C-alpha atoms as a PDB file:
ATOM      1  CA  MET A   1      -1.536  -9.020  18.362  1.00  0.00           C
ATOM      2  CA  THR A   2      -3.532 -12.335  17.988  1.00  0.00           C
ATOM      3  CA  GLY A   3      -7.496 -12.059  16.950  1.00  0.00           C
ATOM      4  CA  TRP A   4      -9.882 -12.296  14.146  1.00  0.00           C
ATOM      5  CA  PHE A   5      -9.172  -9.929  11.008  1.00  0.00           C
ATOM      6  CA  VAL A   6     -12.121  -9.238   8.251  1.00  0.00           C
ATOM      7  CA  TYR A   7     -10.715  -9.111   4.854  1.00  0.00           C
ATOM      8  CA  VAL A   8     -12.137  -7.991   1.159  1.00  0.00           C
ATOM      9  CA  VAL A   9     -10.467  -9.888  -1.856  1.00  0.00           C
ATOM     10  CA  LEU A  10     -10.766  -8.703  -5.426  1.00  0.00           C
ATOM     11  CA  ASN A  11      -9.891 -10.508  -8.700  1.00  0.00           C
ATOM     12  CA  PRO A  12      -9.233  -9.307 -12.008  1.00  0.00           C
ATOM     13  CA  ALA A  13     -13.257  -9.721 -13.169  1.00  0.00           C
ATOM     14  CA  GLY A  14     -13.997  -7.080 -10.337  1.00  0.00           C
ATOM     15  CA  ILE A  15     -15.566  -9.816  -8.031  1.00  0.00           C
ATOM     16  CA  ALA A  16     -15.677  -9.214  -4.354  1.00  0.00           C
ATOM     17  CA  TYR A  17     -15.322 -11.550  -1.323  1.00  0.00           C
ATOM     18  CA  THR A  18     -15.435 -11.090   2.232  1.00  0.00           C
ATOM     19  CA  GLY A  19     -14.305 -13.210   4.793  1.00  0.00           C
ATOM     20  CA  ILE A  20     -12.595 -13.271   8.504  1.00  0.00           C
ATOM     21  CA  ALA A  21      -9.226 -15.341   9.630  1.00  0.00           C
ATOM     22  CA  THR A  22      -6.810 -15.318  12.138  1.00  0.00           C
ATOM     23  CA  ASP A  23      -4.026 -15.154   9.379  1.00  0.00           C
ATOM     24  CA  VAL A  24      -5.290 -13.599   6.044  1.00  0.00           C
ATOM     25  CA  ALA A  25      -2.004 -14.151   4.037  1.00  0.00           C
ATOM     26  CA  ARG A  26      -2.367 -17.920   4.917  1.00  0.00           C
ATOM     27  CA  ARG A  27      -6.320 -17.717   3.945  1.00  0.00           C
ATOM     28  CA  VAL A  28      -5.631 -15.728   0.988  1.00  0.00           C
ATOM     29  CA  ASN A  29      -3.234 -18.481  -0.379  1.00  0.00           C
ATOM     30  CA  SER A  30      -5.819 -21.117   0.107  1.00  0.00           C
ATOM     31  CA  HIS A  31      -8.485 -18.826  -1.754  1.00  0.00           C
ATOM     32  CA  ASN A  32      -6.052 -18.545  -4.464  1.00  0.00           C
ATOM     33  CA  ALA A  33      -4.597 -22.241  -4.437  1.00  0.00           C
ATOM     34  CA  GLY A  34      -8.594 -23.737  -4.707  1.00  0.00           C
ATOM     35  CA  THR A  35      -8.720 -25.235  -1.229  1.00  0.00           C
ATOM     36  CA  GLY A  36     -10.523 -22.142   0.417  1.00  0.00           C
ATOM     37  CA  ALA A  37     -14.354 -20.770   0.247  1.00  0.00           C
ATOM     38  CA  LYS A  38     -16.212 -22.267  -2.322  1.00  0.00           C
ATOM     39  CA  PHE A  39     -16.966 -19.159  -3.867  1.00  0.00           C
ATOM     40  CA  THR A  40     -13.150 -18.184  -4.708  1.00  0.00           C
ATOM     41  CA  ARG A  41     -12.334 -21.603  -6.078  1.00  0.00           C
ATOM     42  CA  GLY A  42     -11.506 -20.910  -9.679  1.00  0.00           C
ATOM     43  CA  ARG A  43     -11.821 -17.691  -9.851  1.00  0.00           C
ATOM     44  CA  GLY A  44      -8.505 -15.949  -9.076  1.00  0.00           C
ATOM     45  CA  PRO A  45      -5.895 -15.014  -8.305  1.00  0.00           C
ATOM     46  CA  TRP A  46      -7.227 -13.207  -5.628  1.00  0.00           C
ATOM     47  CA  TRP A  47      -5.572 -10.099  -3.941  1.00  0.00           C
ATOM     48  CA  ILE A  48      -5.963  -7.981  -0.590  1.00  0.00           C
ATOM     49  CA  ALA A  49      -7.495  -5.028  -0.958  1.00  0.00           C
ATOM     50  CA  HIS A  50      -8.764  -4.416   2.657  1.00  0.00           C
ATOM     51  CA  ILE A  51      -8.221  -5.523   6.307  1.00  0.00           C
ATOM     52  CA  GLU A  52      -9.554  -4.449   9.519  1.00  0.00           C
ATOM     53  CA  GLY A  53      -8.474  -6.276  12.962  1.00  0.00           C
ATOM     54  CA  PRO A  54      -7.548  -7.819  15.078  1.00  0.00           C
ATOM     55  CA  LEU A  55     -11.220  -8.500  16.742  1.00  0.00           C
ATOM     56  CA  PRO A  56     -12.970 -10.927  18.825  1.00  0.00           C
ATOM     57  CA  GLN A  57     -14.163 -13.966  16.751  1.00  0.00           C
ATOM     58  CA  GLY A  58     -17.846 -12.204  17.259  1.00  0.00           C
ATOM     59  CA  ASP A  59     -17.076  -8.891  16.416  1.00  0.00           C
ATOM     60  CA  ALA A  60     -15.402 -10.088  13.125  1.00  0.00           C
ATOM     61  CA  LEU A  61     -18.441 -12.359  12.325  1.00  0.00           C
ATOM     62  CA  ARG A  62     -20.826  -8.816  12.633  1.00  0.00           C
ATOM     63  CA  ARG A  63     -18.205  -6.810  10.355  1.00  0.00           C
ATOM     64  CA  GLU A  64     -18.521  -9.229   8.103  1.00  0.00           C
ATOM     65  CA  ARG A  65     -21.942  -9.070   7.494  1.00  0.00           C
ATOM     66  CA  GLN A  66     -22.222  -5.575   7.704  1.00  0.00           C
ATOM     67  CA  ILE A  67     -19.534  -5.464   4.607  1.00  0.00           C
ATOM     68  CA  LYS A  68     -21.247  -7.957   2.535  1.00  0.00           C
ATOM     69  CA  ARG A  69     -24.335  -5.950   2.772  1.00  0.00           C
ATOM     70  CA  ASP A  70     -22.402  -2.652   1.945  1.00  0.00           C
ATOM     71  CA  SER A  71     -22.476  -2.338  -1.886  1.00  0.00           C
ATOM     72  CA  ALA A  72     -21.065   1.286  -1.602  1.00  0.00           C
ATOM     73  CA  PHE A  73     -18.109   0.451   0.707  1.00  0.00           C
ATOM     74  CA  LYS A  74     -17.200  -2.314  -1.952  1.00  0.00           C
ATOM     75  CA  ALA A  75     -17.881   0.096  -5.061  1.00  0.00           C
ATOM     76  CA  GLY A  76     -15.219   2.619  -3.239  1.00  0.00           C
ATOM     77  CA  LEU A  77     -12.607  -0.426  -2.414  1.00  0.00           C
ATOM     78  CA  LYS A  78     -12.925  -1.543  -6.819  1.00  0.00           C
ATOM     79  CA  ALA A  79     -12.747   2.190  -7.723  1.00  0.00           C
ATOM     80  CA  THR A  80      -9.694   2.637  -5.973  1.00  0.00           C
ATOM     81  CA  GLN A  81      -8.115  -0.738  -7.021  1.00  0.00           C
ATOM     82  CA  ALA A  82      -9.010  -0.077 -10.820  1.00  0.00           C
ATOM     83  CA  ALA A  83      -7.144   3.559 -10.090  1.00  0.00           C
ATOM     84  CA  LEU A  84      -3.954   1.613  -8.791  1.00  0.00           C
ATOM     85  CA  ALA A  85      -4.101  -1.295 -11.554  1.00  0.00           C
ATOM     86  CA  ALA A  86      -4.160   1.559 -14.263  1.00  0.00           C
ATOM     87  CA  ALA A  87      -1.532   3.454 -12.963  1.00  0.00           C
ATOM     88  CA  PRO A  88       1.871   4.072 -15.045  1.00  0.00           C
ATOM     89  CA  PHE A  89       5.043   3.026 -13.577  1.00  0.00           C
ATOM     90  CA  HIS A  90       8.286   5.035 -14.007  1.00  0.00           C
ATOM     91  CA  THR A  91      11.683   3.670 -13.463  1.00  0.00           C
ATOM     92  CA  GLY A  92      12.855   7.018 -14.278  1.00  0.00           C
ATOM     93  CA  PRO A  93      12.153  11.228 -14.465  1.00  0.00           C
ATOM     94  CA  ASP A  94      11.892  11.384 -18.150  1.00  0.00           C
ATOM     95  CA  ARG A  95       8.610  10.188 -18.584  1.00  0.00           C
ATOM     96  CA  LEU A  96       6.979  11.629 -15.360  1.00  0.00           C
ATOM     97  CA  PRO A  97       4.045  14.381 -15.238  1.00  0.00           C
ATOM     98  CA  ALA A  98       4.371  17.494 -14.579  1.00  0.00           C
ATOM     99  CA  ALA A  99       0.926  17.917 -13.149  1.00  0.00           C
ATOM    100  CA  ALA A 100       0.132  18.342  -9.504  1.00  0.00           C
ATOM    101  CA  GLY A 101      -1.010  15.176  -7.934  1.00  0.00           C
ATOM    102  CA  ALA A 102       0.121  11.931  -5.625  1.00  0.00           C
ATOM    103  CA  TYR A 103       2.390   9.036  -6.709  1.00  0.00           C
ATOM    104  CA  ILE A 104       3.259   5.487  -4.877  1.00  0.00           C
ATOM    105  CA  LEU A 105       7.326   5.186  -4.691  1.00  0.00           C
ATOM    106  CA  LEU A 106       8.830   1.902  -4.671  1.00  0.00           C
ATOM    107  CA  VAL A 107      11.951   1.748  -2.544  1.00  0.00           C
ATOM    108  CA  GLU A 108      14.376  -1.440  -2.011  1.00  0.00           C
ATOM    109  CA  LEU A 109      16.802  -1.668   1.115  1.00  0.00           C
ATOM    110  CA  ALA A 110      19.440  -4.003   0.165  1.00  0.00           C
ATOM    111  CA  GLU A 111      20.311  -4.079   4.286  1.00  0.00           C
ATOM    112  CA  GLU A 112      18.666  -3.294   7.296  1.00  0.00           C
ATOM    113  CA  THR A 113      18.235   1.018   7.590  1.00  0.00           C
ATOM    114  CA  ALA A 114      18.042   2.835  10.744  1.00  0.00           C
ATOM    115  CA  VAL A 115      15.542   5.562  10.284  1.00  0.00           C
ATOM    116  CA  ARG A 116      14.850   8.486  12.548  1.00  0.00           C
ATOM    117  CA  LEU A 117      11.970  10.457  13.181  1.00  0.00           C
ATOM    118  CA  PRO A 118      12.042  13.725  15.558  1.00  0.00           C
ATOM    119  CA  ARG A 119      12.099  12.606  18.949  1.00  0.00           C
ATOM    120  CA  ARG A 120      11.471   9.125  18.727  1.00  0.00           C
ATOM    121  CA  ALA A 121      13.714   5.982  18.990  1.00  0.00           C
ATOM    122  CA  PRO A 122      15.694   4.882  15.830  1.00  0.00           C
ATOM    123  CA  VAL A 123      13.648   2.705  14.063  1.00  0.00           C
ATOM    124  CA  ILE A 124      15.391  -0.453  12.331  1.00  0.00           C
ATOM    125  CA  LEU A 125      13.942  -1.077   8.691  1.00  0.00           C
ATOM    126  CA  ALA A 126      14.544  -4.682   7.540  1.00  0.00           C
ATOM    127  CA  ALA A 127      15.785  -5.079   4.095  1.00  0.00           C
ATOM    128  CA  GLY A 128      13.211  -5.364   1.579  1.00  0.00           C
ATOM    129  CA  CYS A 129      10.364  -3.065  -0.299  1.00  0.00           C
ATOM    130  CA  TYR A 130       8.690  -0.459   1.259  1.00  0.00           C
ATOM    131  CA  LEU A 131       5.916   2.024  -0.503  1.00  0.00           C
ATOM    132  CA  TYR A 132       5.623   5.569   0.334  1.00  0.00           C
ATOM    133  CA  CYS A 133       2.550   7.478  -0.665  1.00  0.00           C
ATOM    134  CA  GLY A 134       3.090  11.136  -1.272  1.00  0.00           C
ATOM    135  CA  SER A 135       1.629  14.313  -2.737  1.00  0.00           C
ATOM    136  CA  ALA A 136       3.214  16.884  -4.807  1.00  0.00           C
ATOM    137  CA  ARG A 137       1.262  20.417  -5.744  1.00  0.00           C
ATOM    138  CA  GLY A 138       4.203  22.672  -5.992  1.00  0.00           C
ATOM    139  CA  PRO A 139       5.815  24.061  -9.473  1.00  0.00           C
ATOM    140  CA  GLY A 140       6.918  20.846 -11.636  1.00  0.00           C
ATOM    141  CA  GLY A 141       4.609  19.107  -9.869  1.00  0.00           C
ATOM    142  CA  ILE A 142       5.046  15.061 -10.131  1.00  0.00           C
ATOM    143  CA  ARG A 143       8.100  15.570 -11.943  1.00  0.00           C
ATOM    144  CA  ALA A 144       9.919  17.558 -10.050  1.00  0.00           C
ATOM    145  CA  ARG A 145       9.494  15.870  -6.633  1.00  0.00           C
ATOM    146  CA  VAL A 146       9.769  12.353  -7.499  1.00  0.00           C
ATOM    147  CA  ALA A 147      12.647  13.284  -9.848  1.00  0.00           C
ATOM    148  CA  ARG A 148      14.110  14.561  -6.086  1.00  0.00           C
ATOM    149  CA  HIS A 149      13.281  11.228  -4.730  1.00  0.00           C
ATOM    150  CA  MET A 150      14.895   9.401  -7.460  1.00  0.00           C
ATOM    151  CA  ARG A 151      18.534  11.697  -7.023  1.00  0.00           C
ATOM    152  CA  ARG A 152      20.910  10.533  -4.705  1.00  0.00           C
ATOM    153  CA  ASP A 153      22.679  13.766  -4.071  1.00  0.00           C
ATOM    154  CA  LYS A 154      20.113  15.964  -2.064  1.00  0.00           C
ATOM    155  CA  SER A 155      20.325  16.961   1.678  1.00  0.00           C
ATOM    156  CA  VAL A 156      17.877  14.586   4.055  1.00  0.00           C
ATOM    157  CA  ARG A 157      14.783  17.194   4.173  1.00  0.00           C
ATOM    158  CA  TRP A 158      11.883  14.492   4.434  1.00  0.00           C
ATOM    159  CA  HIS A 159      11.441  11.376   6.019  1.00  0.00           C
ATOM    160  CA  ILE A 160      11.675   9.681   2.884  1.00  0.00           C
ATOM    161  CA  ASP A 161      14.665  11.216   1.892  1.00  0.00           C
ATOM    162  CA  GLN A 162      16.366   8.969   4.897  1.00  0.00           C
ATOM    163  CA  LEU A 163      15.102   5.861   2.708  1.00  0.00           C
ATOM    164  CA  THR A 164      16.049   6.713  -0.948  1.00  0.00           C
ATOM    165  CA  ALA A 165      19.280   7.317   0.311  1.00  0.00           C
ATOM    166  CA  ALA A 166      20.233   3.902   2.193  1.00  0.00           C
ATOM    167  CA  GLY A 167      18.266   2.077  -0.592  1.00  0.00           C
ATOM    168  CA  ILE A 168      17.393   2.189  -4.705  1.00  0.00           C
ATOM    169  CA  VAL A 169      14.431   3.774  -5.742  1.00  0.00           C
ATOM    170  CA  ARG A 170      12.941   1.520  -8.172  1.00  0.00           C
ATOM    171  CA  GLY A 171      10.292   3.610  -9.802  1.00  0.00           C
ATOM    172  CA  ALA A 172       7.307   5.467  -9.300  1.00  0.00           C
ATOM    173  CA  TRP A 173       3.466   4.705 -10.108  1.00  0.00           C
ATOM    174  CA  THR A 174       1.745   8.418 -10.536  1.00  0.00           C
ATOM    175  CA  PHE A 175      -1.730   9.950 -10.044  1.00  0.00           C
ATOM    176  CA  PRO A 176      -2.058  13.032 -11.709  1.00  0.00           C
ATOM    177  CA  GLY A 177      -4.811  14.882  -9.786  1.00  0.00           C
ATOM    178  CA  GLY A 178      -4.986  12.369  -6.864  1.00  0.00           C
ATOM    179  CA  ASP A 179      -4.784  12.233  -3.343  1.00  0.00           C
ATOM    180  CA  GLU A 180      -2.320  10.415  -1.136  1.00  0.00           C
ATOM    181  CA  CYS A 181      -4.597   9.401   1.659  1.00  0.00           C
ATOM    182  CA  ALA A 182      -6.673   7.696  -1.024  1.00  0.00           C
ATOM    183  CA  LEU A 183      -3.924   5.794  -2.218  1.00  0.00           C
ATOM    184  CA  VAL A 184      -3.204   5.028   1.337  1.00  0.00           C
ATOM    185  CA  ALA A 185      -6.669   3.409   2.031  1.00  0.00           C
ATOM    186  CA  GLY A 186      -6.035   1.415  -0.971  1.00  0.00           C
ATOM    187  CA  LEU A 187      -3.067  -0.363   0.287  1.00  0.00           C
ATOM    188  CA  ALA A 188      -4.388  -0.397   3.570  1.00  0.00           C
ATOM    189  CA  ALA A 189      -3.529  -4.438   3.399  1.00  0.00           C
ATOM    190  CA  LEU A 190      -0.030  -3.517   4.019  1.00  0.00           C
ATOM    191  CA  PRO A 191       1.873  -3.383   7.131  1.00  0.00           C
ATOM    192  CA  VAL A 192       2.974  -0.003   8.789  1.00  0.00           C
ATOM    193  CA  PRO A 193       6.508  -0.262   9.673  1.00  0.00           C
ATOM    194  CA  ILE A 194       6.813   3.121  11.017  1.00  0.00           C
ATOM    195  CA  PRO A 195       3.695   5.014  12.512  1.00  0.00           C
ATOM    196  CA  GLY A 196       3.408   8.450  11.527  1.00  0.00           C
ATOM    197  CA  PHE A 197       5.802   8.277   9.082  1.00  0.00           C
ATOM    198  CA  GLY A 198       5.319  10.859   5.996  1.00  0.00           C
ATOM    199  CA  SER A 199       2.027  11.848   8.337  1.00  0.00           C
ATOM    200  CA  SER A 200       2.631  13.658  11.081  1.00  0.00           C
ATOM    201  CA  ASP A 201       0.325  16.481   9.638  1.00  0.00           C
ATOM    202  CA  CYS A 202      -1.898  13.588   8.446  1.00  0.00           C
ATOM    203  CA  PRO A 203      -4.897  13.462  10.688  1.00  0.00           C
ATOM    204  CA  THR A 204      -6.663  10.156   9.144  1.00  0.00           C
ATOM    205  CA  CYS A 205      -3.271   8.050   7.736  1.00  0.00           C
ATOM    206  CA  ARG A 206      -1.532   6.397  10.417  1.00  0.00           C
ATOM    207  CA  SER A 207       1.381   6.238   7.538  1.00  0.00           C
ATOM    208  CA  HIS A 208       2.288   6.537   4.309  1.00  0.00           C
ATOM    209  CA  LEU A 209       5.222   4.277   4.642  1.00  0.00           C
ATOM    210  CA  LEU A 210       4.466   0.586   3.571  1.00  0.00           C
ATOM    211  CA  ALA A 211       6.182  -2.432   3.888  1.00  0.00           C
ATOM    212  CA  TRP A 212       5.932  -4.597   0.429  1.00  0.00           C
ATOM    213  CA  PRO A 213       6.365  -8.149   2.237  1.00  0.00           C
ATOM    214  CA  THR A 214       8.285 -10.490  -0.258  1.00  0.00           C
ATOM    215  CA  GLY A 215       5.380 -13.280  -2.020  1.00  0.00           C
ATOM    216  CA  ALA A 216       2.514 -10.688  -1.209  1.00  0.00           C
ATOM    217  CA  ARG A 217       0.267 -10.616  -4.207  1.00  0.00           C
ATOM    218  CA  LEU A 218      -1.281  -7.196  -4.445  1.00  0.00           C
ATOM    219  CA  VAL A 219      -2.606  -4.982  -7.573  1.00  0.00           C
ATOM    220  CA  LEU A 220       0.486  -3.242  -7.859  1.00  0.00           C
ATOM    221  CA  ASP A 221       2.513  -6.641  -8.874  1.00  0.00           C
ATOM    222  CA  THR A 222       3.848  -5.420 -12.198  1.00  0.00           C
ATOM    223  CA  ALA A 223       7.004  -3.876 -10.608  1.00  0.00           C
ATOM    224  CA  GLY A 224       6.962  -5.903  -7.134  1.00  0.00           C
ATOM    225  CA  PRO A 225       8.742  -8.037  -5.014  1.00  0.00           C
END
């Protein structure tokens, strides 16, 4: 779709900048190269914390002004991004917390993979990295759930099992006491490859699976592509 997007970027100092662009990735690259808005020069690196759109240019400009005046909205973005940045990354099951909470699973597909959701045509996912936001409230908490994701010898029970069986689980960020939908909101800048994936019973999230484009800058870049 064509149109204008409203975006919010953050830097390591917690400074937010709001702007509009037709190509957000290119615009943020210019901010990081020092050729974007004067405000962003010398203050990077910047990463995308929020995107809305596409919108007509007039609507995008109005929404940009609203966000610039909405300190509570930007404070919420900063709090979510800070929580993401502070989360430990586990490459194996040994030190996973047994508490209830949420997690972000990093899965890498080495080749194209067909994913089938009930009563839908198969969707072909391109090779690359994907993030899945999930929750664990049952016995064993996050440890039991993520350890299962990391095993290859399991039955295909959930949507995500198709990816973990076909690809490689590189690890997981864990959030004891956290909420999976809040994690999805914190990663709203990422593309949604399959609407409804892992969120068929969720009234707020379009999908719990997000694509992590190669070269994209995120607050989670400690283990990214």
